[in-house]
Amino acid sequence: VSKDNILYKCQWSPFEGTVFKSKVTHTFVNGHLAFKEGNFDDSQLGERLLFNRD
């Protein structure tokens, strides 16, 4: 994982510098295929998570 391949909006990862034997090829958001082999479909977006910290 490097800054060149991080796709998070925050642009950082706790895994930066880690080498994995596999890679993400597909990502589903609410049952919708949002990422497939390097291509995004942003026609349906996820929702921000809210936490009750009380």
PDB file of N, CA and C in Angstrom:
ATOM      1  N   VAL A   1       0.858  -1.169   0.000  1.00  0.00           N
ATOM      2  CA  VAL A   1       0.000   0.000   0.000  1.00  0.00           C
ATOM      3  C   VAL A   1       0.900   1.227   0.000  1.00  0.00           C
ATOM      4  N   SER A   2       0.625   2.135  -0.928  1.00  0.00           N
ATOM      5  CA  SER A   2       1.409   3.370  -1.000  1.00  0.00           C
ATOM      6  C   SER A   2       0.481   4.546  -1.284  1.00  0.00           C
ATOM      7  N   LYS A   3       0.999   5.757  -1.132  1.00  0.00           N
ATOM      8  CA  LYS A   3       0.181   6.946  -1.391  1.00  0.00           C
ATOM      9  C   LYS A   3      -0.331   6.967  -2.828  1.00  0.00           C
ATOM     10  N   ASP A   4       0.367   6.308  -3.741  1.00  0.00           N
ATOM     11  CA  ASP A   4      -0.035   6.279  -5.149  1.00  0.00           C
ATOM     12  C   ASP A   4      -1.273   5.434  -5.400  1.00  0.00           C
ATOM     13  N   ASN A   5      -1.550   4.454  -4.537  1.00  0.00           N
ATOM     14  CA  ASN A   5      -2.699   3.585  -4.788  1.00  0.00           C
ATOM     15  C   ASN A   5      -3.760   3.624  -3.690  1.00  0.00           C
ATOM     16  N   ILE A   6      -3.694   4.604  -2.804  1.00  0.00           N
ATOM     17  CA  ILE A   6      -4.733   4.781  -1.782  1.00  0.00           C
ATOM     18  C   ILE A   6      -5.892   5.553  -2.402  1.00  0.00           C
ATOM     19  N   LEU A   7      -7.081   4.980  -2.350  1.00  0.00           N
ATOM     20  CA  LEU A   7      -8.252   5.607  -2.960  1.00  0.00           C
ATOM     21  C   LEU A   7      -9.201   6.203  -1.929  1.00  0.00           C
ATOM     22  N   TYR A   8      -8.809   6.221  -0.651  1.00  0.00           N
ATOM     23  CA  TYR A   8      -9.631   6.822   0.391  1.00  0.00           C
ATOM     24  C   TYR A   8      -9.656   8.337   0.224  1.00  0.00           C
ATOM     25  N   LYS A   9     -10.768   8.962   0.600  1.00  0.00           N
ATOM     26  CA  LYS A   9     -10.845  10.429   0.557  1.00  0.00           C
ATOM     27  C   LYS A   9      -9.832  11.066   1.498  1.00  0.00           C
ATOM     28  N   CYS A  10      -9.529  10.410   2.599  1.00  0.00           N
ATOM     29  CA  CYS A  10      -8.598  10.982   3.582  1.00  0.00           C
ATOM     30  C   CYS A  10      -7.141  10.881   3.127  1.00  0.00           C
ATOM     31  N   GLN A  11      -6.872  10.089   2.096  1.00  0.00           N
ATOM     32  CA  GLN A  11      -5.535   9.964   1.500  1.00  0.00           C
ATOM     33  C   GLN A  11      -4.466   9.363   2.412  1.00  0.00           C
ATOM     34  N   TRP A  12      -4.845   8.553   3.391  1.00  0.00           N
ATOM     35  CA  TRP A  12      -3.862   7.847   4.203  1.00  0.00           C
ATOM     36  C   TRP A  12      -4.430   6.494   4.598  1.00  0.00           C
ATOM     37  N   SER A  13      -3.572   5.612   5.021  1.00  0.00           N
ATOM     38  CA  SER A  13      -3.994   4.292   5.473  1.00  0.00           C
ATOM     39  C   SER A  13      -3.025   3.804   6.546  1.00  0.00           C
ATOM     40  N   PRO A  14      -3.525   3.133   7.571  1.00  0.00           N
ATOM     41  CA  PRO A  14      -2.618   2.550   8.555  1.00  0.00           C
ATOM     42  C   PRO A  14      -1.795   1.409   7.949  1.00  0.00           C
ATOM     43  N   PHE A  15      -2.168   0.961   6.751  1.00  0.00           N
ATOM     44  CA  PHE A  15      -1.464  -0.126   6.073  1.00  0.00           C
ATOM     45  C   PHE A  15      -0.417   0.374   5.085  1.00  0.00           C
ATOM     46  N   GLU A  16      -0.171   1.679   5.057  1.00  0.00           N
ATOM     47  CA  GLU A  16       0.823   2.225   4.133  1.00  0.00           C
ATOM     48  C   GLU A  16       2.180   1.569   4.386  1.00  0.00           C
ATOM     49  N   GLY A  17       2.792   1.073   3.324  1.00  0.00           N
ATOM     50  CA  GLY A  17       4.066   0.375   3.425  1.00  0.00           C
ATOM     51  C   GLY A  17       3.928  -1.133   3.559  1.00  0.00           C
ATOM     52  N   THR A  18       2.695  -1.617   3.750  1.00  0.00           N
ATOM     53  CA  THR A  18       2.446  -3.052   3.872  1.00  0.00           C
ATOM     54  C   THR A  18       2.302  -3.672   2.489  1.00  0.00           C
ATOM     55  N   VAL A  19       2.859  -4.851   2.308  1.00  0.00           N
ATOM     56  CA  VAL A  19       2.731  -5.583   1.049  1.00  0.00           C
ATOM     57  C   VAL A  19       1.772  -6.745   1.279  1.00  0.00           C
ATOM     58  N   PHE A  20       0.723  -6.833   0.464  1.00  0.00           N
ATOM     59  CA  PHE A  20      -0.258  -7.905   0.562  1.00  0.00           C
ATOM     60  C   PHE A  20      -0.093  -8.862  -0.614  1.00  0.00           C
ATOM     61  N   LYS A  21      -0.508 -10.100  -0.437  1.00  0.00           N
ATOM     62  CA  LYS A  21      -0.441 -11.094  -1.503  1.00  0.00           C
ATOM     63  C   LYS A  21      -1.656 -11.030  -2.420  1.00  0.00           C
ATOM     64  N   SER A  22      -2.635 -10.222  -2.087  1.00  0.00           N
ATOM     65  CA  SER A  22      -3.859 -10.122  -2.877  1.00  0.00           C
ATOM     66  C   SER A  22      -4.225  -8.655  -3.058  1.00  0.00           C
ATOM     67  N   LYS A  23      -5.284  -8.384  -3.846  1.00  0.00           N
ATOM     68  CA  LYS A  23      -5.735  -7.013  -4.056  1.00  0.00           C
ATOM     69  C   LYS A  23      -7.253  -6.976  -4.147  1.00  0.00           C
ATOM     70  N   VAL A  24      -7.813  -5.807  -3.914  1.00  0.00           N
ATOM     71  CA  VAL A  24      -9.257  -5.612  -4.027  1.00  0.00           C
ATOM     72  C   VAL A  24      -9.601  -5.491  -5.501  1.00  0.00           C
ATOM     73  N   THR A  25     -10.535  -6.316  -5.969  1.00  0.00           N
ATOM     74  CA  THR A  25     -10.965  -6.235  -7.369  1.00  0.00           C
ATOM     75  C   THR A  25     -12.396  -5.732  -7.494  1.00  0.00           C
ATOM     76  N   HIS A  26     -13.222  -5.958  -6.459  1.00  0.00           N
ATOM     77  CA  HIS A  26     -14.623  -5.546  -6.481  1.00  0.00           C
ATOM     78  C   HIS A  26     -14.998  -4.999  -5.104  1.00  0.00           C
ATOM     79  N   THR A  27     -15.851  -3.980  -5.081  1.00  0.00           N
ATOM     80  CA  THR A  27     -16.390  -3.446  -3.837  1.00  0.00           C
ATOM     81  C   THR A  27     -17.880  -3.200  -4.026  1.00  0.00           C
ATOM     82  N   PHE A  28     -18.679  -3.672  -3.079  1.00  0.00           N
ATOM     83  CA  PHE A  28     -20.121  -3.455  -3.106  1.00  0.00           C
ATOM     84  C   PHE A  28     -20.502  -2.442  -2.037  1.00  0.00           C
ATOM     85  N   VAL A  29     -21.398  -1.518  -2.376  1.00  0.00           N
ATOM     86  CA  VAL A  29     -21.931  -0.529  -1.446  1.00  0.00           C
ATOM     87  C   VAL A  29     -23.442  -0.682  -1.456  1.00  0.00           C
ATOM     88  N   ASN A  30     -24.002  -1.078  -0.325  1.00  0.00           N
ATOM     89  CA  ASN A  30     -25.451  -1.302  -0.214  1.00  0.00           C
ATOM     90  C   ASN A  30     -25.967  -2.228  -1.310  1.00  0.00           C
ATOM     91  N   GLY A  31     -25.218  -3.284  -1.624  1.00  0.00           N
ATOM     92  CA  GLY A  31     -25.628  -4.255  -2.630  1.00  0.00           C
ATOM     93  C   GLY A  31     -25.356  -3.838  -4.059  1.00  0.00           C
ATOM     94  N   HIS A  32     -24.792  -2.662  -4.265  1.00  0.00           N
ATOM     95  CA  HIS A  32     -24.505  -2.124  -5.599  1.00  0.00           C
ATOM     96  C   HIS A  32     -23.012  -2.268  -5.887  1.00  0.00           C
ATOM     97  N   LEU A  33     -22.653  -2.777  -7.070  1.00  0.00           N
ATOM     98  CA  LEU A  33     -21.253  -2.908  -7.454  1.00  0.00           C
ATOM     99  C   LEU A  33     -20.688  -1.520  -7.719  1.00  0.00           C
ATOM    100  N   ALA A  34     -19.856  -1.029  -6.801  1.00  0.00           N
ATOM    101  CA  ALA A  34     -19.354   0.343  -6.869  1.00  0.00           C
ATOM    102  C   ALA A  34     -17.945   0.431  -7.452  1.00  0.00           C
ATOM    103  N   PHE A  35     -17.180  -0.652  -7.388  1.00  0.00           N
ATOM    104  CA  PHE A  35     -15.797  -0.657  -7.878  1.00  0.00           C
ATOM    105  C   PHE A  35     -15.514  -2.019  -8.476  1.00  0.00           C
ATOM    106  N   LYS A  36     -15.029  -2.022  -9.712  1.00  0.00           N
ATOM    107  CA  LYS A  36     -14.692  -3.281 -10.377  1.00  0.00           C
ATOM    108  C   LYS A  36     -13.416  -3.100 -11.172  1.00  0.00           C
ATOM    109  N   GLU A  37     -12.357  -3.777 -10.729  1.00  0.00           N
ATOM    110  CA  GLU A  37     -11.074  -3.819 -11.423  1.00  0.00           C
ATOM    111  C   GLU A  37     -10.585  -2.447 -11.883  1.00  0.00           C
ATOM    112  N   GLY A  38     -10.569  -1.493 -10.938  1.00  0.00           N
ATOM    113  CA  GLY A  38     -10.019  -0.171 -11.214  1.00  0.00           C
ATOM    114  C   GLY A  38     -11.013   0.865 -11.687  1.00  0.00           C
ATOM    115  N   ASN A  39     -12.263   0.487 -11.895  1.00  0.00           N
ATOM    116  CA  ASN A  39     -13.280   1.422 -12.384  1.00  0.00           C
ATOM    117  C   ASN A  39     -14.371   1.628 -11.341  1.00  0.00           C
ATOM    118  N   PHE A  40     -14.737   2.896 -11.137  1.00  0.00           N
ATOM    119  CA  PHE A  40     -15.776   3.254 -10.176  1.00  0.00           C
ATOM    120  C   PHE A  40     -17.104   3.486 -10.873  1.00  0.00           C
ATOM    121  N   ASP A  41     -18.181   3.120 -10.186  1.00  0.00           N
ATOM    122  CA  ASP A  41     -19.535   3.486 -10.589  1.00  0.00           C
ATOM    123  C   ASP A  41     -20.110   4.258  -9.412  1.00  0.00           C
ATOM    124  N   ASP A  42     -20.103   5.576  -9.504  1.00  0.00           N
ATOM    125  CA  ASP A  42     -20.569   6.393  -8.382  1.00  0.00           C
ATOM    126  C   ASP A  42     -22.026   6.809  -8.529  1.00  0.00           C
ATOM    127  N   SER A  43     -22.810   6.031  -9.283  1.00  0.00           N
ATOM    128  CA  SER A  43     -24.225   6.355  -9.434  1.00  0.00           C
ATOM    129  C   SER A  43     -24.999   6.114  -8.138  1.00  0.00           C
ATOM    130  N   GLN A  44     -24.459   5.310  -7.245  1.00  0.00           N
ATOM    131  CA  GLN A  44     -25.074   5.091  -5.936  1.00  0.00           C
ATOM    132  C   GLN A  44     -23.971   5.145  -4.898  1.00  0.00           C
ATOM    133  N   LEU A  45     -24.077   6.075  -3.982  1.00  0.00           N
ATOM    134  CA  LEU A  45     -23.033   6.275  -2.985  1.00  0.00           C
ATOM    135  C   LEU A  45     -23.450   5.713  -1.636  1.00  0.00           C
ATOM    136  N   GLY A  46     -22.474   5.416  -0.816  1.00  0.00           N
ATOM    137  CA  GLY A  46     -22.744   4.974   0.547  1.00  0.00           C
ATOM    138  C   GLY A  46     -23.154   6.153   1.411  1.00  0.00           C
ATOM    139  N   GLU A  47     -23.451   5.878   2.655  1.00  0.00           N
ATOM    140  CA  GLU A  47     -23.848   6.930   3.579  1.00  0.00           C
ATOM    141  C   GLU A  47     -22.815   7.049   4.689  1.00  0.00           C
ATOM    142  N   ARG A  48     -22.674   8.248   5.204  1.00  0.00           N
ATOM    143  CA  ARG A  48     -21.761   8.488   6.316  1.00  0.00           C
ATOM    144  C   ARG A  48     -22.253   7.714   7.538  1.00  0.00           C
ATOM    145  N   LEU A  49     -21.341   7.051   8.219  1.00  0.00           N
ATOM    146  CA  LEU A  49     -21.685   6.336   9.441  1.00  0.00           C
ATOM    147  C   LEU A  49     -21.748   7.305  10.604  1.00  0.00           C
ATOM    148  N   LEU A  50     -22.783   7.185  11.399  1.00  0.00           N
ATOM    149  CA  LEU A  50     -22.937   8.004  12.595  1.00  0.00           C
ATOM    150  C   LEU A  50     -22.916   7.086  13.806  1.00  0.00           C
ATOM    151  N   PHE A  51     -22.231   7.501  14.847  1.00  0.00           N
ATOM    152  CA  PHE A  51     -22.109   6.697  16.051  1.00  0.00           C
ATOM    153  C   PHE A  51     -22.673   7.455  17.239  1.00  0.00           C
ATOM    154  N   ASN A  52     -23.415   6.749  18.073  1.00  0.00           N
ATOM    155  CA  ASN A  52     -23.898   7.296  19.326  1.00  0.00           C
ATOM    156  C   ASN A  52     -22.849   6.965  20.376  1.00  0.00           C
ATOM    157  N   ARG A  53     -22.103   7.949  20.808  1.00  0.00           N
ATOM    158  CA  ARG A  53     -20.987   7.713  21.728  1.00  0.00           C
ATOM    159  C   ARG A  53     -21.373   7.932  23.189  1.00  0.00           C
ATOM    160  N   ASP A  54     -22.662   7.909  23.477  1.00  0.00           N
ATOM    161  CA  ASP A  54     -23.112   8.085  24.867  1.00  0.00           C
ATOM    162  C   ASP A  54     -22.937   6.820  25.661  1.00  0.00           C
TER     163      ASP A  54
END
